[in-house]
Protein backbone atom coordinates (compact mmCIF):
# COMPACT_ATOMS: atom_id res chain seq x y z
CA MET A 1 1.84 -12.14 5.59
CA LYS A 2 4.46 -11.13 8.15
CA THR A 3 6.28 -14.44 7.59
CA ILE A 4 6.29 -13.81 3.85
CA LEU A 5 7.52 -10.25 4.29
CA ASP A 6 10.28 -11.39 6.67
CA ALA A 7 11.49 -13.91 4.09
CA ILE A 8 11.49 -11.28 1.34
CA GLN A 9 13.47 -8.85 3.46
CA SER A 10 16.05 -11.45 4.59
CA PRO A 11 19.09 -11.66 2.29
CA GLU A 12 19.59 -15.25 3.41
CA SER A 13 16.27 -16.62 2.15
CA THR A 14 16.58 -19.38 -0.45
CA PRO A 15 14.14 -20.66 -3.07
CA ASP A 16 13.44 -23.62 -0.81
CA ASP A 17 12.59 -21.22 2.03
CA PHE A 18 10.04 -19.46 -0.16
CA ALA A 19 8.60 -22.75 -1.42
CA ALA A 20 8.08 -23.84 2.19
CA LEU A 21 6.20 -20.70 3.24
CA PRO A 22 2.53 -21.30 3.99
CA VAL A 23 0.16 -19.52 1.61
CA PRO A 24 -2.41 -17.44 3.52
CA GLU A 25 -6.07 -18.35 3.06
CA GLU A 26 -6.92 -14.68 2.45
CA TYR A 27 -5.18 -11.41 1.67
CA ARG A 28 -5.85 -7.67 1.54
CA ALA A 29 -6.84 -6.32 -1.83
CA VAL A 30 -8.33 -3.26 -3.49
CA THR A 31 -11.71 -4.29 -4.83
CA LEU A 32 -14.82 -3.19 -6.64
CA ARG A 33 -18.15 -4.72 -5.66
CA ALA A 34 -20.66 -6.06 -8.16
CA ASN A 35 -23.60 -4.75 -6.16
CA GLU A 36 -22.32 -1.16 -6.47
CA THR A 37 -22.02 -0.79 -10.23
CA ASP A 38 -24.97 1.61 -10.35
CA MET A 39 -23.63 3.93 -7.66
CA PHE A 40 -22.73 6.67 -10.17
CA ALA A 41 -25.84 6.38 -12.33
CA GLY A 42 -26.76 9.67 -13.99
CA MET A 43 -23.51 11.42 -13.08
CA ASP A 44 -21.04 12.96 -15.51
CA SER A 45 -17.78 11.05 -15.80
CA ALA A 46 -15.81 13.91 -14.24
CA ASP A 47 -17.97 13.80 -11.11
CA LYS A 48 -17.56 10.09 -10.45
CA ASP A 49 -15.24 9.56 -7.48
CA PRO A 50 -13.05 6.42 -7.31
CA ARG A 51 -12.65 6.98 -3.57
CA ARG A 52 -16.26 5.84 -3.16
CA SER A 53 -16.08 2.70 -5.28
CA LEU A 54 -12.64 1.30 -4.42
CA HIS A 55 -12.49 -0.70 -1.19
CA THR A 56 -9.62 -2.31 0.70
CA GLU A 57 -10.76 -5.63 2.14
CA HIS A 58 -9.75 -9.25 2.66
CA VAL A 59 -10.54 -11.72 -0.12
CA PRO A 60 -9.93 -15.50 -0.41
CA THR A 61 -6.65 -16.60 -1.99
CA PRO A 62 -7.50 -18.18 -5.38
CA SER A 63 -6.26 -21.58 -6.47
CA LEU A 64 -3.24 -21.78 -8.76
CA GLU A 65 -3.74 -23.32 -12.20
CA PRO A 66 -1.18 -24.75 -14.66
CA GLY A 67 1.03 -22.09 -16.19
CA GLU A 68 0.36 -19.59 -13.42
CA ALA A 69 2.35 -18.02 -10.59
CA LEU A 70 1.34 -16.64 -7.21
CA VAL A 71 3.27 -13.45 -6.44
CA ALA A 72 3.71 -11.62 -3.15
CA VAL A 73 3.11 -8.04 -4.27
CA MET A 74 5.45 -5.50 -2.72
CA ALA A 75 4.15 -2.54 -4.75
CA SER A 76 1.77 -1.71 -7.56
CA ALA A 77 0.64 1.36 -9.50
CA VAL A 78 -2.49 3.12 -10.71
CA ASN A 79 -3.19 3.20 -14.44
CA TYR A 80 -6.06 4.80 -16.28
CA ASN A 81 -7.74 1.42 -16.59
CA THR A 82 -8.03 1.48 -12.79
CA VAL A 83 -9.95 4.74 -13.15
CA TRP A 84 -12.22 3.26 -15.83
CA SER A 85 -12.82 0.26 -13.57
CA ALA A 86 -13.60 2.45 -10.57
CA ILE A 87 -16.13 4.65 -12.37
CA PHE A 88 -17.65 1.64 -14.19
CA GLU A 89 -16.97 3.03 -17.66
CA PRO A 90 -17.44 2.29 -20.47
CA ILE A 91 -19.02 -0.80 -18.88
CA PRO A 92 -18.61 -2.40 -15.44
CA THR A 93 -15.63 -4.76 -15.45
CA PHE A 94 -17.84 -7.48 -13.97
CA ASP A 95 -19.13 -7.95 -17.52
CA PHE A 96 -15.56 -8.91 -18.51
CA LEU A 97 -15.26 -11.31 -15.57
CA ARG A 98 -18.54 -13.05 -16.37
CA ARG A 99 -17.56 -13.54 -20.01
CA TYR A 100 -14.12 -14.83 -19.04
CA GLY A 101 -15.62 -17.15 -16.43
CA ARG A 102 -17.68 -18.90 -19.10
CA THR A 103 -14.62 -19.87 -21.17
CA SER A 104 -13.25 -22.68 -18.96
CA PRO A 105 -13.44 -24.25 -15.49
CA ALA A 106 -10.17 -22.53 -14.55
CA ALA A 107 -11.42 -19.14 -15.71
CA LYS A 108 -14.60 -19.54 -13.64
CA ARG A 109 -12.53 -18.50 -10.57
CA HIS A 110 -12.45 -14.96 -11.98
CA ASP A 111 -16.23 -14.54 -11.93
CA GLN A 112 -16.67 -13.24 -8.38
CA PRO A 113 -18.92 -10.62 -6.74
CA TYR A 114 -15.73 -8.64 -6.17
CA HIS A 115 -13.01 -7.56 -8.59
CA VAL A 116 -9.40 -7.21 -7.43
CA VAL A 117 -8.08 -4.54 -9.78
CA GLY A 118 -4.60 -3.38 -10.79
CA SER A 119 -2.44 -4.07 -13.84
CA ASP A 120 1.07 -3.56 -12.45
CA LEU A 121 3.17 -5.22 -9.78
CA SER A 122 6.65 -5.78 -8.48
CA GLY A 123 7.19 -8.55 -6.00
CA VAL A 124 8.46 -12.04 -5.28
CA VAL A 125 7.27 -15.37 -6.65
CA LEU A 126 5.76 -17.58 -3.93
CA ARG A 127 4.41 -20.51 -5.92
CA VAL A 128 4.34 -21.70 -9.51
CA GLY A 129 1.77 -24.01 -11.04
CA PRO A 130 2.40 -27.14 -13.09
CA GLY A 131 4.24 -26.54 -16.33
CA VAL A 132 6.14 -23.45 -15.13
CA ASN A 133 9.89 -23.92 -15.53
CA ALA A 134 11.29 -20.43 -16.16
CA TRP A 135 10.45 -19.07 -12.71
CA ARG A 136 10.80 -20.37 -9.17
CA PRO A 137 9.88 -19.23 -5.66
CA GLY A 138 12.02 -16.34 -4.47
CA ASP A 139 12.50 -14.70 -7.88
CA HIS A 140 12.20 -10.91 -7.84
CA VAL A 141 9.83 -10.02 -10.66
CA VAL A 142 7.66 -7.43 -12.32
CA ALA A 143 4.62 -8.33 -14.37
CA HIS A 144 3.26 -7.02 -17.64
CA CYS A 145 -0.51 -7.05 -17.99
CA LEU A 146 -1.22 -9.20 -21.05
CA SER A 147 -3.15 -12.33 -20.09
CA VAL A 148 -3.46 -14.52 -23.17
CA GLU A 149 -4.68 -18.09 -23.75
CA LEU A 150 -2.77 -18.78 -27.02
CA GLU A 151 -5.06 -21.62 -28.10
CA ALA A 152 -5.93 -19.91 -31.39
CA ALA A 153 -3.55 -19.73 -34.34
CA ALA A 154 -4.09 -15.97 -34.68
CA GLY A 155 -2.10 -15.23 -31.54
CA HIS A 156 1.10 -17.01 -32.46
CA ASN A 157 2.47 -14.29 -34.72
CA ASP A 158 1.52 -11.47 -32.37
CA THR A 159 -0.17 -12.35 -29.08
CA MET A 160 -2.12 -9.07 -29.17
CA LEU A 161 -4.09 -10.63 -32.04
CA ASP A 162 -5.16 -13.63 -29.99
CA PRO A 163 -8.97 -13.61 -29.70
CA GLU A 164 -8.64 -14.51 -26.01
CA GLN A 165 -6.17 -11.80 -24.96
CA ARG A 166 -7.17 -9.78 -21.92
CA ILE A 167 -5.68 -7.12 -19.69
CA TRP A 168 -4.91 -8.63 -16.31
CA GLY A 169 -6.51 -6.79 -13.40
CA PHE A 170 -8.95 -5.07 -15.77
CA GLU A 171 -10.54 -7.85 -17.81
CA THR A 172 -9.43 -10.55 -15.34
CA ASN A 173 -9.54 -10.83 -11.56
CA PHE A 174 -6.79 -11.12 -8.92
CA GLY A 175 -4.91 -8.02 -10.06
CA GLY A 176 -1.87 -6.24 -8.67
CA LEU A 177 -3.38 -3.75 -6.20
CA ALA A 178 -3.21 -6.33 -3.45
CA GLU A 179 -0.85 -8.26 -1.17
CA LEU A 180 -1.01 -11.32 -3.46
CA ALA A 181 -1.69 -11.66 -7.18
CA VAL A 182 -2.17 -14.47 -9.66
CA VAL A 183 -0.55 -14.05 -13.08
CA LYS A 184 0.30 -16.27 -15.99
CA ALA A 185 3.98 -17.20 -15.94
CA ASN A 186 4.47 -15.55 -19.33
CA GLN A 187 3.56 -12.22 -17.75
CA LEU A 188 6.65 -12.27 -15.53
CA MET A 189 9.89 -10.39 -16.20
CA PRO A 190 12.99 -9.77 -14.06
CA LYS A 191 12.72 -6.83 -11.68
CA PRO A 192 15.34 -4.14 -12.45
CA ASP A 193 17.86 -4.54 -9.63
CA HIS A 194 18.68 -0.84 -9.29
CA LEU A 195 15.09 0.21 -8.64
CA THR A 196 12.95 0.07 -5.51
CA TRP A 197 9.76 -1.97 -5.37
CA GLU A 198 7.59 1.07 -5.97
CA GLU A 199 9.75 2.42 -8.81
CA SER A 200 9.77 -0.86 -10.69
CA ALA A 201 6.02 -1.33 -10.13
CA CYS A 202 5.15 1.87 -11.99
CA VAL A 203 6.84 0.88 -15.25
CA GLY A 204 5.29 -2.30 -16.66
CA LEU A 205 2.04 -1.23 -18.30
CA VAL A 206 2.95 2.22 -19.57
CA ASN A 207 6.51 1.41 -20.65
CA SER A 208 5.44 -1.64 -22.63
CA THR A 209 2.51 0.25 -24.17
CA VAL A 210 4.76 3.10 -25.32
CA TYR A 211 7.40 0.72 -26.69
CA ARG A 212 4.87 -0.98 -28.96
CA GLN A 213 3.17 2.27 -29.89
CA LEU A 214 6.32 4.14 -30.92
CA VAL A 215 9.27 1.76 -31.37
CA SER A 216 7.83 -1.57 -32.52
CA LEU A 217 7.03 -2.26 -36.16
CA ASN A 218 3.58 -3.18 -34.86
CA GLY A 219 3.26 0.52 -34.03
CA ALA A 220 4.73 3.65 -35.59
CA GLY A 221 8.29 2.36 -36.12
CA MET A 222 9.83 5.62 -34.88
CA LYS A 223 13.26 6.37 -36.31
CA LEU A 224 16.16 8.80 -36.01
CA GLY A 225 15.13 12.32 -37.00
CA ASP A 226 11.36 11.92 -36.68
CA ASN A 227 9.27 14.70 -35.18
CA VAL A 228 6.87 13.17 -32.66
CA LEU A 229 3.90 15.04 -31.19
CA ILE A 230 3.28 13.75 -27.67
CA TRP A 231 0.02 14.61 -25.95
CA GLY A 232 0.15 14.70 -22.15
CA ALA A 233 3.92 14.59 -22.28
CA SER A 234 4.45 14.67 -18.52
CA GLY A 235 1.79 12.04 -17.75
CA GLY A 236 1.95 8.30 -17.23
CA LEU A 237 2.25 7.41 -20.91
CA GLY A 238 3.68 10.65 -22.23
CA SER A 239 6.65 10.73 -19.88
CA TYR A 240 7.86 7.43 -21.32
CA ALA A 241 7.11 8.55 -24.88
CA VAL A 242 9.38 11.56 -24.36
CA GLN A 243 12.18 9.31 -23.13
CA TYR A 244 11.84 6.92 -26.08
CA ALA A 245 11.79 9.78 -28.60
CA LEU A 246 14.94 11.31 -27.15
CA ALA A 247 16.71 7.95 -26.86
CA SER A 248 15.85 7.17 -30.50
CA GLY A 249 17.20 10.45 -31.88
CA ALA A 250 13.72 11.77 -32.61
CA THR A 251 12.44 15.21 -31.63
CA PRO A 252 9.55 15.15 -29.15
CA VAL A 253 7.04 17.99 -29.44
CA CYS A 254 5.57 17.94 -25.95
CA VAL A 255 2.02 19.08 -25.23
CA VAL A 256 1.37 19.83 -21.55
CA SER A 257 -1.16 21.77 -19.48
CA SER A 258 0.91 23.78 -17.01
CA PRO A 259 4.32 25.44 -16.55
CA GLU A 260 5.26 22.78 -13.98
CA LYS A 261 4.61 20.01 -16.48
CA ALA A 262 6.55 21.90 -19.12
CA GLU A 263 9.53 22.10 -16.78
CA LEU A 264 9.41 18.33 -16.21
CA CYS A 265 9.68 17.80 -19.96
CA ARG A 266 12.64 20.19 -20.16
CA SER A 267 14.32 18.27 -17.35
CA MET A 268 14.09 15.11 -19.48
CA GLY A 269 15.84 16.92 -22.33
CA ALA A 270 12.89 18.04 -24.46
CA GLU A 271 13.05 21.51 -26.02
CA ALA A 272 9.89 21.80 -28.15
CA ILE A 273 7.07 22.32 -25.66
CA ILE A 274 3.52 23.63 -26.00
CA ASP A 275 1.55 24.62 -22.91
CA ARG A 276 -1.91 24.23 -24.39
CA ASN A 277 -3.64 26.06 -21.54
CA ALA A 278 -1.28 29.02 -21.60
CA GLU A 279 -1.63 29.29 -25.38
CA GLY A 280 -5.40 28.88 -25.20
CA TYR A 281 -6.03 26.04 -27.64
CA ARG A 282 -9.71 25.10 -27.79
CA PHE A 283 -10.29 22.47 -30.45
CA TRP A 284 -14.06 22.30 -29.83
CA GLN A 285 -16.41 25.26 -30.12
CA ASP A 286 -19.05 23.29 -28.23
CA ALA A 287 -19.81 19.65 -27.41
CA HIS A 288 -20.61 18.86 -31.05
CA THR A 289 -18.54 21.24 -33.20
CA GLN A 290 -14.77 21.27 -33.71
CA ASP A 291 -12.84 24.38 -34.73
CA PRO A 292 -10.52 23.80 -37.73
CA LYS A 293 -9.03 27.27 -37.23
CA GLU A 294 -7.57 26.01 -33.97
CA TRP A 295 -6.13 22.97 -35.75
CA LYS A 296 -4.36 25.34 -38.15
CA ARG A 297 -3.10 27.57 -35.34
CA PHE A 298 -1.80 24.50 -33.53
CA GLY A 299 -0.07 23.20 -36.67
CA ALA A 300 1.59 26.58 -37.23
CA ARG A 301 2.89 26.55 -33.65
CA ILE A 302 4.34 23.08 -34.15
CA ARG A 303 6.19 24.25 -37.27
CA GLU A 304 7.64 27.17 -35.31
CA LEU A 305 9.19 24.64 -32.93
CA THR A 306 10.45 22.19 -35.55
CA GLY A 307 12.00 24.58 -38.04
CA GLY A 308 9.05 24.49 -40.41
CA GLU A 309 8.37 20.74 -40.38
CA ASP A 310 5.13 18.90 -39.64
CA VAL A 311 5.21 15.94 -37.27
CA ASP A 312 5.91 12.46 -38.60
CA ILE A 313 4.13 10.70 -35.74
CA VAL A 314 1.38 11.69 -33.33
CA PHE A 315 1.38 9.81 -30.04
CA GLU A 316 -2.38 9.77 -29.36
CA HIS A 317 -4.20 8.76 -26.18
CA PRO A 318 -6.59 11.59 -25.16
CA GLY A 319 -8.98 10.59 -27.95
CA ARG A 320 -12.08 12.63 -28.69
CA GLU A 321 -10.78 15.99 -27.50
CA THR A 322 -7.61 15.95 -29.59
CA PHE A 323 -8.06 13.47 -32.42
CA GLY A 324 -9.27 15.92 -35.07
CA ALA A 325 -6.24 18.11 -34.42
CA SER A 326 -3.94 15.08 -34.44
CA VAL A 327 -5.06 13.98 -37.90
CA PHE A 328 -4.76 17.52 -39.25
CA VAL A 329 -1.22 18.29 -38.01
CA THR A 330 0.41 15.03 -39.08
CA ARG A 331 2.63 15.39 -42.14
CA ARG A 332 1.68 13.95 -45.53
CA GLY A 333 2.30 10.20 -45.27
CA GLY A 334 2.65 10.39 -41.50
CA THR A 335 1.19 8.25 -38.74
CA ILE A 336 -1.29 8.76 -35.91
CA VAL A 337 -0.88 5.91 -33.42
CA THR A 338 -3.52 5.65 -30.72
CA CYS A 339 -3.69 3.51 -27.60
CA ALA A 340 -6.51 5.02 -25.54
CA SER A 341 -9.33 7.54 -25.38
CA THR A 342 -9.22 9.14 -21.97
CA SER A 343 -11.36 12.11 -23.07
CA GLY A 344 -13.89 10.01 -24.98
CA HIS A 345 -13.77 7.01 -27.30
CA VAL A 346 -15.96 8.37 -30.13
CA HIS A 347 -13.42 10.19 -32.30
CA GLU A 348 -14.24 12.73 -35.00
CA TYR A 349 -11.87 14.02 -37.68
CA ASP A 350 -12.01 15.38 -41.21
CA ASN A 351 -11.20 12.39 -43.39
CA ARG A 352 -10.04 14.59 -46.28
CA TYR A 353 -6.85 15.31 -44.33
CA LEU A 354 -6.30 11.59 -43.87
CA TRP A 355 -7.04 10.07 -47.28
CA MET A 356 -5.82 12.89 -49.53
CA SER A 357 -2.54 13.17 -47.63
CA VAL A 358 -2.09 9.38 -47.38
CA LYS A 359 -1.82 9.38 -43.60
CA ARG A 360 -2.26 6.28 -41.44
CA ILE A 361 -4.08 5.64 -38.17
CA ILE A 362 -2.73 2.70 -36.20
CA GLY A 363 -4.49 1.21 -33.20
CA SER A 364 -2.03 0.00 -30.58
CA HIS A 365 -3.11 -1.96 -27.52
CA PHE A 366 -0.56 -2.74 -24.78
CA ALA A 367 2.24 -5.04 -26.08
CA ASN A 368 3.12 -8.66 -26.69
CA TYR A 369 5.55 -10.53 -24.43
CA ALA A 370 8.56 -9.89 -26.68
CA GLU A 371 7.83 -6.15 -26.76
CA ALA A 372 7.22 -5.97 -23.02
CA TRP A 373 10.44 -7.89 -22.36
CA ALA A 374 12.43 -5.57 -24.65
CA ALA A 375 10.96 -2.53 -22.91
CA ASN A 376 11.75 -3.95 -19.48
CA ARG A 377 15.31 -4.72 -20.60
CA LEU A 378 15.82 -1.02 -21.39
CA VAL A 379 14.71 -0.14 -17.86
CA SER A 380 17.03 -2.79 -16.39
CA LYS A 381 19.90 -1.29 -18.39
CA ALA A 382 18.96 2.21 -17.10
CA LYS A 383 18.27 3.48 -20.61
CA ILE A 384 14.65 4.27 -19.69
CA HIS A 385 13.75 5.48 -16.19
CA PRO A 386 10.65 5.31 -14.01
CA THR A 387 8.54 8.45 -13.73
CA LEU A 388 7.19 7.85 -10.24
CA SER A 389 5.95 11.05 -8.63
CA LYS A 390 4.00 9.97 -5.56
CA VAL A 391 3.31 6.86 -3.51
CA TYR A 392 0.23 5.92 -1.48
CA PRO A 393 -0.40 3.04 0.93
CA LEU A 394 -2.76 0.32 -0.25
CA GLU A 395 -5.72 1.62 1.75
CA GLN A 396 -5.47 5.00 -0.04
CA THR A 397 -5.64 3.60 -3.56
CA GLY A 398 -8.94 5.42 -4.04
CA GLN A 399 -7.16 8.73 -3.57
CA ALA A 400 -4.43 7.65 -5.97
CA ALA A 401 -7.05 6.82 -8.60
CA HIS A 402 -8.78 10.14 -7.93
CA ASP A 403 -5.49 11.95 -8.63
CA VAL A 404 -5.21 10.21 -11.99
CA HIS A 405 -8.88 10.79 -12.81
CA THR A 406 -8.54 14.53 -12.19
CA ASN A 407 -5.13 14.76 -13.91
CA SER A 408 -3.68 16.33 -10.78
CA HIS A 409 -0.53 14.22 -10.95
CA HIS A 410 2.73 14.00 -12.87
CA GLY A 411 4.15 10.78 -14.28
CA LYS A 412 3.02 7.71 -12.38
CA ILE A 413 1.48 7.12 -8.94
CA GLY A 414 2.65 4.07 -7.01
CA VAL A 415 0.98 2.06 -4.27
CA LEU A 416 2.74 0.16 -1.48
CA CYS A 417 1.21 -3.28 -0.97
CA LEU A 418 3.35 -5.56 1.25
CA SER A 419 6.32 -3.21 1.30
CA PRO A 420 6.30 -1.45 4.69
CA ARG A 421 7.91 1.73 3.37
CA GLU A 422 9.44 3.32 0.30
CA GLY A 423 13.06 2.77 -0.71
CA LEU A 424 13.29 -1.02 -0.35
CA GLY A 425 14.19 -3.68 -2.90
CA VAL A 426 17.39 -2.25 -4.41
CA ARG A 427 20.05 -4.87 -5.18
CA ASP A 428 22.35 -2.85 -7.48
CA GLU A 429 23.25 0.31 -5.63
CA ALA A 430 26.11 1.26 -7.95
CA THR A 431 23.86 1.54 -11.02
CA ARG A 432 21.26 3.36 -8.97
CA GLN A 433 23.70 6.03 -7.84
CA ARG A 434 24.79 6.69 -11.43
CA HIS A 435 21.20 7.42 -12.47
CA LEU A 436 19.69 8.74 -9.26
CA ASN A 437 18.75 12.16 -10.64
CA ALA A 438 16.87 10.61 -13.56
CA ILE A 439 15.15 8.07 -11.31
CA ASN A 440 13.95 10.82 -8.96
CA ARG A 441 13.11 13.40 -11.64
CA PHE A 442 9.36 13.21 -11.09
CA ARG A 443 9.48 13.02 -7.28
């Protein structure tokens, strides 16, 4: 690994130098173990601790199949799917690996008694498999997390509709929280030159997800002048949603849970902000009963901030806790677009407010390659900025996941893999200096 790192850090290294590097037989990775999937049995979700289930250990380097690339991972990031993996909810990810392993001889590699997790990376290509022409050893890359087979006709209009699409590092093995990772070549994108390894690693999953959810015609199709309600506006997804709303000429209505998070939204340029804790919103009277009076109070507060208008789009991801309110406050003919259910995946809402007001609910899952590429291009052009707030070393990934699980973080949390320290990997210092305040806003 030291030889690989030396080559990455040398400005004189050529593609031939990288192609000649020996590939280690094993590498350090953050793993889950199949024999521990019952370790949290009987516990409430909130009490399950990723620090117990996530391990840093050496695993064998997998073989490289056609259409794939082996990447030396300089940095990665924690997403909520890492939390789901680590607490074995809604099901252990080993179920995904077993199903994938049955689909082909090549996929059988993924069915292991360990799962290398992680759905983000920035790093350097070490090897490419047969049939890969767009990338070569030495390329500085980031990866999006859509792993797709594209053998079915359904996926060729929108790869998210392919029946064999999976999220890399969640539904597949050999993910990004490691020193090496295996990805399909069509997951790779150019690393933004003005960002460090850890900054660029925290963008791929959330930025692409938000782009499809809000901007793409596969999502809400946000336009100039829209009012957009953004739950968790200072979090991993929400912080990008705020940026996209502002960049598109829309008005973000930011929902946060503390004065500190409200201030982060103001620093991005948002003005309409609701601190739901300070204002005491409680959308559920108990575990089984929602409170429509609170929906109405929430809707009235939104109209105070928008000059009397309801929201055109609700950017949904908390799920069960907020979904009833989201459907209620959306304007007649408006759109609720949902990409996750971090507070529970069984949603309840009053359908009268949906059908009689001709509202739409759109499910949005990650992004296709074209959407991910477009989102990454905006980062490379410094139109959208990373929201990195904290960085951990690889061996403390459990603590990073715990931070996300307990919502004790802002923006995104990065993880150093091969990179020996923060601040490395910048190749366009001039662009970086012009946008340094925005890049560091969440630090």
